[in-house]
Amino acid sequence: MTDSAECKATTTEQDEQRDDAHLDDIEEGAGCTEIWEHLAEKREE
């Protein structure tokens, strides 16, 4: 029998500065078209 280590989710500085943070407000399962439209709208702002 092996001891299992406890996994605790912690927020790190790296998690807070993710490269895909600009996609946070896109719905789960969005396709390429939805993502492209979202990015185009952000560019216009």
C-alpha atoms as a PDB file:
ATOM      1  CA  MET A   1       0.000   0.000   0.000  1.00  0.00           C
ATOM      2  CA  THR A   2       1.266   3.480  -0.865  1.00  0.00           C
ATOM      3  CA  ASP A   3       0.552   6.767   0.813  1.00  0.00           C
ATOM      4  CA  SER A   4      -1.311   9.165  -1.411  1.00  0.00           C
ATOM      5  CA  ALA A   5      -0.278  12.788  -1.249  1.00  0.00           C
ATOM      6  CA  GLU A   6      -2.950  15.351  -0.623  1.00  0.00           C
ATOM      7  CA  CYS A   7      -3.574  17.587  -3.612  1.00  0.00           C
ATOM      8  CA  LYS A   8      -4.735  21.047  -2.741  1.00  0.00           C
ATOM      9  CA  ALA A   9      -5.669  23.501  -5.436  1.00  0.00           C
ATOM     10  CA  THR A  10      -3.723  26.682  -4.934  1.00  0.00           C
ATOM     11  CA  THR A  11      -3.710  29.801  -7.019  1.00  0.00           C
ATOM     12  CA  THR A  12      -0.254  30.717  -8.139  1.00  0.00           C
ATOM     13  CA  GLU A  13       1.006  33.872  -9.771  1.00  0.00           C
ATOM     14  CA  GLN A  14       1.403  31.883 -12.982  1.00  0.00           C
ATOM     15  CA  ASP A  15      -2.293  30.886 -12.928  1.00  0.00           C
ATOM     16  CA  GLU A  16      -3.306  34.519 -12.500  1.00  0.00           C
ATOM     17  CA  GLN A  17      -1.282  35.603 -15.548  1.00  0.00           C
ATOM     18  CA  ARG A  18      -2.430  32.937 -17.990  1.00  0.00           C
ATOM     19  CA  ASP A  19      -1.978  33.510 -21.703  1.00  0.00           C
ATOM     20  CA  ASP A  20      -5.608  32.584 -22.365  1.00  0.00           C
ATOM     21  CA  ALA A  21      -7.171  34.902 -19.795  1.00  0.00           C
ATOM     22  CA  HIS A  22      -8.642  36.995 -22.641  1.00  0.00           C
ATOM     23  CA  LEU A  23     -10.888  34.007 -23.434  1.00  0.00           C
ATOM     24  CA  ASP A  24     -12.424  33.738 -19.941  1.00  0.00           C
ATOM     25  CA  ASP A  25     -15.797  35.117 -21.017  1.00  0.00           C
ATOM     26  CA  ILE A  26     -16.248  32.655 -23.912  1.00  0.00           C
ATOM     27  CA  GLU A  27     -18.693  29.830 -23.242  1.00  0.00           C
ATOM     28  CA  GLU A  28     -17.382  26.306 -22.720  1.00  0.00           C
ATOM     29  CA  GLY A  29     -17.513  24.397 -25.991  1.00  0.00           C
ATOM     30  CA  ALA A  30     -17.387  27.462 -28.230  1.00  0.00           C
ATOM     31  CA  GLY A  31     -16.120  26.802 -31.703  1.00  0.00           C
ATOM     32  CA  CYS A  32     -13.579  28.560 -33.867  1.00  0.00           C
ATOM     33  CA  THR A  33     -16.140  30.983 -35.283  1.00  0.00           C
ATOM     34  CA  GLU A  34     -17.336  32.128 -31.864  1.00  0.00           C
ATOM     35  CA  ILE A  35     -13.773  32.600 -30.669  1.00  0.00           C
ATOM     36  CA  TRP A  36     -12.830  34.510 -33.824  1.00  0.00           C
ATOM     37  CA  GLU A  37     -15.869  36.799 -33.438  1.00  0.00           C
ATOM     38  CA  HIS A  38     -15.040  37.424 -29.783  1.00  0.00           C
ATOM     39  CA  LEU A  39     -11.447  38.347 -30.602  1.00  0.00           C
ATOM     40  CA  ALA A  40     -12.560  40.608 -33.465  1.00  0.00           C
ATOM     41  CA  GLU A  41     -14.973  42.452 -31.152  1.00  0.00           C
ATOM     42  CA  LYS A  42     -12.215  42.972 -28.572  1.00  0.00           C
ATOM     43  CA  ARG A  43      -9.919  44.352 -31.273  1.00  0.00           C
ATOM     44  CA  GLU A  44     -12.553  46.912 -32.285  1.00  0.00           C
ATOM     45  CA  GLU A  45     -12.788  48.231 -28.691  1.00  0.00           C
END
